[in-house]
Amino acid sequence: DYFTVLVPIDWATAAATVVAWLLIGWIIEHPTAKR
């Protein structure tokens, strides 16, 4: 019940933030040779 207090968009946005954190780190550390 505690966890259902947050609406799905809250969980989706939080998950997207974590994914964005991991993704930008990977892009920075594994860029293309041209850039």
Full PDB file with SEQRES, HELIX, SHEET, SSBOND, CRYST1, ORIGX, SCALE, CONECT and MASTER records, all heavy atoms in Angstrom:
SEQRES   1 A   35  ASP TYR PHE THR VAL LEU VAL PRO ILE ASP TRP ALA THR          
SEQRES   2 A   35  ALA ALA ALA THR VAL VAL ALA TRP LEU LEU ILE GLY TRP          
SEQRES   3 A   35  ILE ILE GLU HIS PRO THR ALA LYS ARG                          
HELIX    1 AA1 PHE A    3  VAL A    5  5                                   3    
HELIX    2 AA2 PRO A    8  GLU A   29  1                                  22    
CRYST1    1.000    1.000    1.000  90.00  90.00  90.00 P 1           1          
ORIGX1      1.000000  0.000000  0.000000        0.00000                         
ORIGX2      0.000000  1.000000  0.000000        0.00000                         
ORIGX3      0.000000  0.000000  1.000000        0.00000                         
SCALE1      1.000000  0.000000  0.000000        0.00000                         
SCALE2      0.000000  1.000000  0.000000        0.00000                         
SCALE3      0.000000  0.000000  1.000000        0.00000                         
ATOM      1  N   ASP A   1       0.831  -1.212   0.000  1.00  0.00           N  
ATOM      2  CA  ASP A   1       0.000   0.000   0.000  1.00  0.00           C  
ATOM      3  C   ASP A   1       0.862   1.259   0.000  1.00  0.00           C  
ATOM      4  O   ASP A   1       0.535   2.261  -0.628  1.00  0.00           O  
ATOM      5  CB  ASP A   1      -0.928   0.011   1.232  1.00  0.00           C  
ATOM      6  CG  ASP A   1      -1.983  -1.088   1.151  1.00  0.00           C  
ATOM      7  OD1 ASP A   1      -2.365  -1.430   0.027  1.00  0.00           O  
ATOM      8  OD2 ASP A   1      -2.393  -1.599   2.211  1.00  0.00           O  
ATOM      9  N   TYR A   2       1.980   1.188   0.710  1.00  0.00           N  
ATOM     10  CA  TYR A   2       2.895   2.334   0.735  1.00  0.00           C  
ATOM     11  C   TYR A   2       3.407   2.655  -0.664  1.00  0.00           C  
ATOM     12  O   TYR A   2       3.475   3.799  -1.079  1.00  0.00           O  
ATOM     13  CB  TYR A   2       4.075   2.043   1.660  1.00  0.00           C  
ATOM     14  CG  TYR A   2       3.774   2.263   3.120  1.00  0.00           C  
ATOM     15  CD1 TYR A   2       3.916   1.225   4.037  1.00  0.00           C  
ATOM     16  CD2 TYR A   2       3.376   3.512   3.577  1.00  0.00           C  
ATOM     17  CE1 TYR A   2       3.653   1.427   5.384  1.00  0.00           C  
ATOM     18  CE2 TYR A   2       3.108   3.719   4.923  1.00  0.00           C  
ATOM     19  CZ  TYR A   2       3.247   2.675   5.819  1.00  0.00           C  
ATOM     20  OH  TYR A   2       2.980   2.879   7.148  1.00  0.00           O  
ATOM     21  N   PHE A   3       3.803   1.608  -1.386  1.00  0.00           N  
ATOM     22  CA  PHE A   3       4.374   1.813  -2.713  1.00  0.00           C  
ATOM     23  C   PHE A   3       3.324   2.241  -3.736  1.00  0.00           C  
ATOM     24  O   PHE A   3       3.659   2.860  -4.733  1.00  0.00           O  
ATOM     25  CB  PHE A   3       5.084   0.535  -3.190  1.00  0.00           C  
ATOM     26  CG  PHE A   3       6.437   0.361  -2.585  1.00  0.00           C  
ATOM     27  CD1 PHE A   3       6.622  -0.411  -1.447  1.00  0.00           C  
ATOM     28  CD2 PHE A   3       7.546   0.980  -3.138  1.00  0.00           C  
ATOM     29  CE1 PHE A   3       7.882  -0.567  -0.893  1.00  0.00           C  
ATOM     30  CE2 PHE A   3       8.803   0.840  -2.586  1.00  0.00           C  
ATOM     31  CZ  PHE A   3       8.974   0.059  -1.455  1.00  0.00           C  
ATOM     32  N   THR A   4       2.066   1.894  -3.499  1.00  0.00           N  
ATOM     33  CA  THR A   4       1.021   2.290  -4.445  1.00  0.00           C  
ATOM     34  C   THR A   4       0.575   3.737  -4.229  1.00  0.00           C  
ATOM     35  O   THR A   4      -0.272   4.242  -4.966  1.00  0.00           O  
ATOM     36  CB  THR A   4      -0.196   1.354  -4.309  1.00  0.00           C  
ATOM     37  OG1 THR A   4      -0.632   1.324  -2.943  1.00  0.00           O  
ATOM     38  CG2 THR A   4       0.151  -0.056  -4.763  1.00  0.00           C  
ATOM     39  N   VAL A   5       1.139   4.391  -3.199  1.00  0.00           N  
ATOM     40  CA  VAL A   5       0.815   5.803  -2.992  1.00  0.00           C  
ATOM     41  C   VAL A   5       1.292   6.627  -4.176  1.00  0.00           C  
ATOM     42  O   VAL A   5       0.645   7.583  -4.605  1.00  0.00           O  
ATOM     43  CB  VAL A   5       1.454   6.310  -1.682  1.00  0.00           C  
ATOM     44  CG1 VAL A   5       1.336   7.827  -1.578  1.00  0.00           C  
ATOM     45  CG2 VAL A   5       0.791   5.650  -0.481  1.00  0.00           C  
ATOM     46  N   LEU A   6       2.440   6.232  -4.758  1.00  0.00           N  
ATOM     47  CA  LEU A   6       2.966   6.924  -5.932  1.00  0.00           C  
ATOM     48  C   LEU A   6       2.247   6.429  -7.178  1.00  0.00           C  
ATOM     49  O   LEU A   6       1.986   5.233  -7.325  1.00  0.00           O  
ATOM     50  CB  LEU A   6       4.474   6.679  -6.075  1.00  0.00           C  
ATOM     51  CG  LEU A   6       5.363   7.305  -4.996  1.00  0.00           C  
ATOM     52  CD1 LEU A   6       6.812   6.906  -5.225  1.00  0.00           C  
ATOM     53  CD2 LEU A   6       5.236   8.822  -5.008  1.00  0.00           C  
ATOM     54  N   VAL A   7       1.958   7.342  -8.084  1.00  0.00           N  
ATOM     55  CA  VAL A   7       1.283   6.982  -9.325  1.00  0.00           C  
ATOM     56  C   VAL A   7       2.304   6.388 -10.295  1.00  0.00           C  
ATOM     57  O   VAL A   7       3.517   6.602 -10.135  1.00  0.00           O  
ATOM     58  CB  VAL A   7       0.596   8.219  -9.951  1.00  0.00           C  
ATOM     59  CG1 VAL A   7      -0.503   8.712  -9.039  1.00  0.00           C  
ATOM     60  CG2 VAL A   7       1.603   9.327 -10.204  1.00  0.00           C  
ATOM     61  N   PRO A   8       1.846   5.659 -11.317  1.00  0.00           N  
ATOM     62  CA  PRO A   8       2.783   5.038 -12.267  1.00  0.00           C  
ATOM     63  C   PRO A   8       3.760   6.006 -12.919  1.00  0.00           C  
ATOM     64  O   PRO A   8       4.907   5.652 -13.168  1.00  0.00           O  
ATOM     65  CB  PRO A   8       1.835   4.421 -13.306  1.00  0.00           C  
ATOM     66  CG  PRO A   8       0.594   4.109 -12.530  1.00  0.00           C  
ATOM     67  CD  PRO A   8       0.457   5.218 -11.546  1.00  0.00           C  
ATOM     68  N   ILE A   9       3.323   7.244 -13.176  1.00  0.00           N  
ATOM     69  CA  ILE A   9       4.231   8.199 -13.824  1.00  0.00           C  
ATOM     70  C   ILE A   9       5.422   8.526 -12.914  1.00  0.00           C  
ATOM     71  O   ILE A   9       6.529   8.815 -13.393  1.00  0.00           O  
ATOM     72  CB  ILE A   9       3.486   9.485 -14.231  1.00  0.00           C  
ATOM     73  CG1 ILE A   9       4.383  10.352 -15.129  1.00  0.00           C  
ATOM     74  CG2 ILE A   9       3.026  10.254 -13.011  1.00  0.00           C  
ATOM     75  CD1 ILE A   9       3.688  11.572 -15.685  1.00  0.00           C  
ATOM     76  N   ASP A  10       5.212   8.469 -11.609  1.00  0.00           N  
ATOM     77  CA  ASP A  10       6.317   8.686 -10.677  1.00  0.00           C  
ATOM     78  C   ASP A  10       7.366   7.600 -10.835  1.00  0.00           C  
ATOM     79  O   ASP A  10       8.565   7.885 -10.950  1.00  0.00           O  
ATOM     80  CB  ASP A  10       5.788   8.692  -9.227  1.00  0.00           C  
ATOM     81  CG  ASP A  10       5.296  10.059  -8.793  1.00  0.00           C  
ATOM     82  OD1 ASP A  10       6.112  10.993  -8.783  1.00  0.00           O  
ATOM     83  OD2 ASP A  10       4.101  10.194  -8.470  1.00  0.00           O  
ATOM     84  N   TRP A  11       6.922   6.358 -10.837  1.00  0.00           N  
ATOM     85  CA  TRP A  11       7.851   5.238 -10.973  1.00  0.00           C  
ATOM     86  C   TRP A  11       8.532   5.253 -12.341  1.00  0.00           C  
ATOM     87  O   TRP A  11       9.740   4.997 -12.452  1.00  0.00           O  
ATOM     88  CB  TRP A  11       7.118   3.909 -10.778  1.00  0.00           C  
ATOM     89  CG  TRP A  11       6.617   3.712  -9.390  1.00  0.00           C  
ATOM     90  CD1 TRP A  11       5.322   3.690  -8.970  1.00  0.00           C  
ATOM     91  CD2 TRP A  11       7.413   3.534  -8.215  1.00  0.00           C  
ATOM     92  NE1 TRP A  11       5.243   3.507  -7.621  1.00  0.00           N  
ATOM     93  CE2 TRP A  11       6.517   3.392  -7.124  1.00  0.00           C  
ATOM     94  CE3 TRP A  11       8.772   3.464  -7.966  1.00  0.00           C  
ATOM     95  CZ2 TRP A  11       6.958   3.189  -5.813  1.00  0.00           C  
ATOM     96  CZ3 TRP A  11       9.217   3.263  -6.657  1.00  0.00           C  
ATOM     97  CH2 TRP A  11       8.318   3.125  -5.611  1.00  0.00           C  
ATOM     98  N   ALA A  12       7.761   5.577 -13.377  1.00  0.00           N  
ATOM     99  CA  ALA A  12       8.323   5.598 -14.726  1.00  0.00           C  
ATOM    100  C   ALA A  12       9.389   6.687 -14.855  1.00  0.00           C  
ATOM    101  O   ALA A  12      10.460   6.465 -15.455  1.00  0.00           O  
ATOM    102  CB  ALA A  12       7.216   5.818 -15.754  1.00  0.00           C  
ATOM    103  N   THR A  13       9.120   7.848 -14.287  1.00  0.00           N  
ATOM    104  CA  THR A  13      10.071   8.955 -14.371  1.00  0.00           C  
ATOM    105  C   THR A  13      11.335   8.659 -13.568  1.00  0.00           C  
ATOM    106  O   THR A  13      12.448   8.950 -14.012  1.00  0.00           O  
ATOM    107  CB  THR A  13       9.424  10.256 -13.857  1.00  0.00           C  
ATOM    108  OG1 THR A  13       8.182  10.474 -14.529  1.00  0.00           O  
ATOM    109  CG2 THR A  13      10.340  11.435 -14.115  1.00  0.00           C  
ATOM    110  N   ALA A  14      11.154   8.062 -12.391  1.00  0.00           N  
ATOM    111  CA  ALA A  14      12.317   7.703 -11.571  1.00  0.00           C  
ATOM    112  C   ALA A  14      13.180   6.668 -12.287  1.00  0.00           C  
ATOM    113  O   ALA A  14      14.419   6.766 -12.302  1.00  0.00           O  
ATOM    114  CB  ALA A  14      11.857   7.174 -10.216  1.00  0.00           C  
ATOM    115  N   ALA A  15      12.508   5.674 -12.895  1.00  0.00           N  
ATOM    116  CA  ALA A  15      13.250   4.643 -13.634  1.00  0.00           C  
ATOM    117  C   ALA A  15      13.970   5.259 -14.832  1.00  0.00           C  
ATOM    118  O   ALA A  15      15.125   4.915 -15.134  1.00  0.00           O  
ATOM    119  CB  ALA A  15      12.298   3.548 -14.096  1.00  0.00           C  
ATOM    120  N   ALA A  16      13.295   6.197 -15.516  1.00  0.00           N  
ATOM    121  CA  ALA A  16      13.908   6.857 -16.671  1.00  0.00           C  
ATOM    122  C   ALA A  16      15.128   7.664 -16.249  1.00  0.00           C  
ATOM    123  O   ALA A  16      16.128   7.737 -16.988  1.00  0.00           O  
ATOM    124  CB  ALA A  16      12.893   7.762 -17.351  1.00  0.00           C  
ATOM    125  N   THR A  17      15.087   8.252 -15.057  1.00  0.00           N  
ATOM    126  CA  THR A  17      16.232   9.023 -14.556  1.00  0.00           C  
ATOM    127  C   THR A  17      17.438   8.110 -14.331  1.00  0.00           C  
ATOM    128  O   THR A  17      18.575   8.456 -14.693  1.00  0.00           O  
ATOM    129  CB  THR A  17      15.867   9.730 -13.242  1.00  0.00           C  
ATOM    130  OG1 THR A  17      14.789  10.635 -13.486  1.00  0.00           O  
ATOM    131  CG2 THR A  17      17.048  10.486 -12.673  1.00  0.00           C  
ATOM    132  N   VAL A  18      17.196   6.953 -13.731  1.00  0.00           N  
ATOM    133  CA  VAL A  18      18.291   5.997 -13.501  1.00  0.00           C  
ATOM    134  C   VAL A  18      18.861   5.494 -14.829  1.00  0.00           C  
ATOM    135  O   VAL A  18      20.078   5.406 -15.009  1.00  0.00           O  
ATOM    136  CB  VAL A  18      17.804   4.817 -12.633  1.00  0.00           C  
ATOM    137  CG1 VAL A  18      18.900   3.760 -12.498  1.00  0.00           C  
ATOM    138  CG2 VAL A  18      17.375   5.301 -11.252  1.00  0.00           C  
ATOM    139  N   VAL A  19      17.969   5.203 -15.779  1.00  0.00           N  
ATOM    140  CA  VAL A  19      18.425   4.751 -17.098  1.00  0.00           C  
ATOM    141  C   VAL A  19      19.227   5.851 -17.797  1.00  0.00           C  
ATOM    142  O   VAL A  19      20.267   5.588 -18.414  1.00  0.00           O  
ATOM    143  CB  VAL A  19      17.216   4.325 -17.969  1.00  0.00           C  
ATOM    144  CG1 VAL A  19      17.654   4.074 -19.412  1.00  0.00           C  
ATOM    145  CG2 VAL A  19      16.564   3.082 -17.391  1.00  0.00           C  
ATOM    146  N   ALA A  20      18.761   7.091 -17.682  1.00  0.00           N  
ATOM    147  CA  ALA A  20      19.472   8.223 -18.290  1.00  0.00           C  
ATOM    148  C   ALA A  20      20.858   8.374 -17.693  1.00  0.00           C  
ATOM    149  O   ALA A  20      21.836   8.654 -18.404  1.00  0.00           O  
ATOM    150  CB  ALA A  20      18.667   9.502 -18.095  1.00  0.00           C  
ATOM    151  N   TRP A  21      20.965   8.188 -16.397  1.00  0.00           N  
ATOM    152  CA  TRP A  21      22.265   8.247 -15.709  1.00  0.00           C  
ATOM    153  C   TRP A  21      23.227   7.193 -16.256  1.00  0.00           C  
ATOM    154  O   TRP A  21      24.383   7.495 -16.568  1.00  0.00           O  
ATOM    155  CB  TRP A  21      22.014   8.060 -14.214  1.00  0.00           C  
ATOM    156  CG  TRP A  21      23.232   7.788 -13.385  1.00  0.00           C  
ATOM    157  CD1 TRP A  21      24.407   8.480 -13.376  1.00  0.00           C  
ATOM    158  CD2 TRP A  21      23.369   6.744 -12.418  1.00  0.00           C  
ATOM    159  NE1 TRP A  21      25.272   7.937 -12.458  1.00  0.00           N  
ATOM    160  CE2 TRP A  21      24.657   6.865 -11.849  1.00  0.00           C  
ATOM    161  CE3 TRP A  21      22.522   5.727 -11.968  1.00  0.00           C  
ATOM    162  CZ2 TRP A  21      25.117   6.009 -10.855  1.00  0.00           C  
ATOM    163  CZ3 TRP A  21      22.986   4.883 -10.978  1.00  0.00           C  
ATOM    164  CH2 TRP A  21      24.266   5.019 -10.433  1.00  0.00           C  
ATOM    165  N   LEU A  22      22.744   5.971 -16.377  1.00  0.00           N  
ATOM    166  CA  LEU A  22      23.585   4.889 -16.898  1.00  0.00           C  
ATOM    167  C   LEU A  22      23.914   5.110 -18.373  1.00  0.00           C  
ATOM    168  O   LEU A  22      25.049   4.863 -18.816  1.00  0.00           O  
ATOM    169  CB  LEU A  22      22.878   3.546 -16.710  1.00  0.00           C  
ATOM    170  CG  LEU A  22      22.599   3.130 -15.257  1.00  0.00           C  
ATOM    171  CD1 LEU A  22      21.751   1.858 -15.237  1.00  0.00           C  
ATOM    172  CD2 LEU A  22      23.900   2.918 -14.487  1.00  0.00           C  
ATOM    173  N   LEU A  23      22.940   5.592 -19.133  1.00  0.00           N  
ATOM    174  CA  LEU A  23      23.122   5.758 -20.574  1.00  0.00           C  
ATOM    175  C   LEU A  23      24.129   6.860 -20.895  1.00  0.00           C  
ATOM    176  O   LEU A  23      25.024   6.663 -21.725  1.00  0.00           O  
ATOM    177  CB  LEU A  23      21.780   6.069 -21.238  1.00  0.00           C  
ATOM    178  CG  LEU A  23      21.798   6.206 -22.765  1.00  0.00           C  
ATOM    179  CD1 LEU A  23      22.257   4.911 -23.415  1.00  0.00           C  
ATOM    180  CD2 LEU A  23      20.417   6.587 -23.276  1.00  0.00           C  
ATOM    181  N   ILE A  24      24.019   8.003 -20.241  1.00  0.00           N  
ATOM    182  CA  ILE A  24      24.946   9.100 -20.538  1.00  0.00           C  
ATOM    183  C   ILE A  24      26.361   8.725 -20.129  1.00  0.00           C  
ATOM    184  O   ILE A  24      27.335   9.114 -20.784  1.00  0.00           O  
ATOM    185  CB  ILE A  24      24.488  10.411 -19.834  1.00  0.00           C  
ATOM    186  CG1 ILE A  24      25.298  11.610 -20.367  1.00  0.00           C  
ATOM    187  CG2 ILE A  24      24.634  10.296 -18.335  1.00  0.00           C  
ATOM    188  CD1 ILE A  24      25.092  11.916 -21.804  1.00  0.00           C  
ATOM    189  N   GLY A  25      26.487   7.944 -19.068  1.00  0.00           N  
ATOM    190  CA  GLY A  25      27.811   7.473 -18.670  1.00  0.00           C  
ATOM    191  C   GLY A  25      28.426   6.578 -19.725  1.00  0.00           C  
ATOM    192  O   GLY A  25      29.617   6.692 -20.045  1.00  0.00           O  
ATOM    193  N   TRP A  26      27.609   5.686 -20.289  1.00  0.00           N  
ATOM    194  CA  TRP A  26      28.109   4.777 -21.328  1.00  0.00           C  
ATOM    195  C   TRP A  26      28.484   5.553 -22.592  1.00  0.00           C  
ATOM    196  O   TRP A  26      29.517   5.279 -23.217  1.00  0.00           O  
ATOM    197  CB  TRP A  26      27.042   3.733 -21.660  1.00  0.00           C  
ATOM    198  CG  TRP A  26      27.575   2.618 -22.510  1.00  0.00           C  
ATOM    199  CD1 TRP A  26      28.126   1.445 -22.087  1.00  0.00           C  
ATOM    200  CD2 TRP A  26      27.615   2.588 -23.943  1.00  0.00           C  
ATOM    201  NE1 TRP A  26      28.512   0.678 -23.163  1.00  0.00           N  
ATOM    202  CE2 TRP A  26      28.204   1.348 -24.318  1.00  0.00           C  
ATOM    203  CE3 TRP A  26      27.208   3.456 -24.946  1.00  0.00           C  
ATOM    204  CZ2 TRP A  26      28.386   0.986 -25.643  1.00  0.00           C  
ATOM    205  CZ3 TRP A  26      27.393   3.104 -26.268  1.00  0.00           C  
ATOM    206  CH2 TRP A  26      27.983   1.872 -26.608  1.00  0.00           C  
ATOM    207  N   ILE A  27      27.673   6.529 -22.957  1.00  0.00           N  
ATOM    208  CA  ILE A  27      27.950   7.327 -24.160  1.00  0.00           C  
ATOM    209  C   ILE A  27      29.256   8.117 -23.996  1.00  0.00           C  
ATOM    210  O   ILE A  27      30.067   8.201 -24.921  1.00  0.00           O  
ATOM    211  CB  ILE A  27      26.777   8.284 -24.450  1.00  0.00           C  
ATOM    212  CG1 ILE A  27      25.546   7.490 -24.886  1.00  0.00           C  
ATOM    213  CG2 ILE A  27      27.154   9.299 -25.528  1.00  0.00           C  
ATOM    214  CD1 ILE A  27      24.295   8.331 -25.047  1.00  0.00           C  
ATOM    215  N   ILE A  28      29.459   8.686 -22.824  1.00  0.00           N  
ATOM    216  CA  ILE A  28      30.672   9.473 -22.575  1.00  0.00           C  
ATOM    217  C   ILE A  28      31.915   8.597 -22.597  1.00  0.00           C  
ATOM    218  O   ILE A  28      32.957   8.989 -23.136  1.00  0.00           O  
ATOM    219  CB  ILE A  28      30.552  10.210 -21.219  1.00  0.00           C  
ATOM    220  CG1 ILE A  28      29.518  11.335 -21.327  1.00  0.00           C  
ATOM    221  CG2 ILE A  28      31.903  10.768 -20.778  1.00  0.00           C  
ATOM    222  CD1 ILE A  28      29.186  11.992 -20.005  1.00  0.00           C  
ATOM    223  N   GLU A  29      31.807   7.405 -22.042  1.00  0.00           N  
ATOM    224  CA  GLU A  29      32.972   6.528 -21.957  1.00  0.00           C  
ATOM    225  C   GLU A  29      33.186   5.673 -23.203  1.00  0.00           C  
ATOM    226  O   GLU A  29      34.262   5.112 -23.389  1.00  0.00           O  
ATOM    227  CB  GLU A  29      32.840   5.621 -20.728  1.00  0.00           C  
ATOM    228  CG  GLU A  29      32.882   6.387 -19.412  1.00  0.00           C  
ATOM    229  CD  GLU A  29      32.647   5.505 -18.205  1.00  0.00           C  
ATOM    230  OE1 GLU A  29      32.661   4.253 -18.372  1.00  0.00           O  
ATOM    231  OE2 GLU A  29      32.440   6.038 -17.099  1.00  0.00           O  
ATOM    232  N   HIS A  30      32.162   5.595 -24.070  1.00  0.00           N  
ATOM    233  CA  HIS A  30      32.281   4.815 -25.312  1.00  0.00           C  
ATOM    234  C   HIS A  30      31.781   5.628 -26.511  1.00  0.00           C  
ATOM    235  O   HIS A  30      30.844   5.204 -27.203  1.00  0.00           O  
ATOM    236  CB  HIS A  30      31.486   3.511 -25.205  1.00  0.00           C  
ATOM    237  CG  HIS A  30      31.909   2.644 -24.056  1.00  0.00           C  
ATOM    238  ND1 HIS A  30      31.404   2.805 -22.776  1.00  0.00           N  
ATOM    239  CD2 HIS A  30      32.793   1.609 -23.989  1.00  0.00           C  
ATOM    240  CE1 HIS A  30      31.949   1.901 -21.987  1.00  0.00           C  
ATOM    241  NE2 HIS A  30      32.796   1.174 -22.679  1.00  0.00           N  
ATOM    242  N   PRO A  31      32.378   6.788 -26.758  1.00  0.00           N  
ATOM    243  CA  PRO A  31      31.923   7.602 -27.886  1.00  0.00           C  
ATOM    244  C   PRO A  31      32.430   7.037 -29.208  1.00  0.00           C  
ATOM    245  O   PRO A  31      33.277   6.137 -29.235  1.00  0.00           O  
ATOM    246  CB  PRO A  31      32.566   8.968 -27.593  1.00  0.00           C  
ATOM    247  CG  PRO A  31      33.838   8.612 -26.896  1.00  0.00           C  
ATOM    248  CD  PRO A  31      33.514   7.404 -26.051  1.00  0.00           C  
ATOM    249  N   THR A  32      31.914   7.576 -30.291  1.00  0.00           N  
ATOM    250  CA  THR A  32      32.402   7.164 -31.605  1.00  0.00           C  
ATOM    251  C   THR A  32      33.785   7.769 -31.843  1.00  0.00           C  
ATOM    252  O   THR A  32      34.158   8.773 -31.236  1.00  0.00           O  
ATOM    253  CB  THR A  32      31.442   7.639 -32.706  1.00  0.00           C  
ATOM    254  OG1 THR A  32      31.367   9.073 -32.686  1.00  0.00           O  
ATOM    255  CG2 THR A  32      30.043   7.058 -32.489  1.00  0.00           C  
ATOM    256  N   ALA A  33      34.529   7.154 -32.748  1.00  0.00           N  
ATOM    257  CA  ALA A  33      35.882   7.644 -33.038  1.00  0.00           C  
ATOM    258  C   ALA A  33      35.852   9.042 -33.655  1.00  0.00           C  
ATOM    259  O   ALA A  33      36.781   9.832 -33.471  1.00  0.00           O  
ATOM    260  CB  ALA A  33      36.589   6.669 -33.969  1.00  0.00           C  
ATOM    261  N   LYS A  34      34.780   9.357 -34.385  1.00  0.00           N  
ATOM    262  CA  LYS A  34      34.685  10.661 -35.040  1.00  0.00           C  
ATOM    263  C   LYS A  34      34.331  11.787 -34.069  1.00  0.00           C  
ATOM    264  O   LYS A  34      34.575  12.956 -34.367  1.00  0.00           O  
ATOM    265  CB  LYS A  34      33.644  10.595 -36.162  1.00  0.00           C  
ATOM    266  CG  LYS A  34      34.043   9.698 -37.337  1.00  0.00           C  
ATOM    267  CD  LYS A  34      32.989   9.739 -38.417  1.00  0.00           C  
ATOM    268  CE  LYS A  34      33.389   8.877 -39.613  1.00  0.00           C  
ATOM    269  NZ  LYS A  34      32.354   8.905 -40.686  1.00  0.00           N  
ATOM    270  N   ARG A  35      33.730  11.453 -32.935  1.00  0.00           N  
ATOM    271  CA  ARG A  35      33.322  12.477 -31.971  1.00  0.00           C  
ATOM    272  C   ARG A  35      33.687  12.029 -30.558  1.00  0.00           C  
ATOM    273  O   ARG A  35      32.824  11.646 -29.762  1.00  0.00           O  
ATOM    274  CB  ARG A  35      31.827  12.755 -32.082  1.00  0.00           C  
ATOM    275  CG  ARG A  35      31.378  14.026 -31.364  1.00  0.00           C  
ATOM    276  CD  ARG A  35      29.916  14.316 -31.604  1.00  0.00           C  
ATOM    277  NE  ARG A  35      29.499  15.549 -30.947  1.00  0.00           N  
ATOM    278  CZ  ARG A  35      29.674  16.772 -31.438  1.00  0.00           C  
ATOM    279  NH1 ARG A  35      30.268  16.913 -32.608  1.00  0.00           N  
ATOM    280  NH2 ARG A  35      29.268  17.844 -30.789  1.00  0.00           N  
TER     281      ARG A  35                                                      
MASTER        0    0    0    2    0    0    0    6  280    1    0    3          
END                                                                             
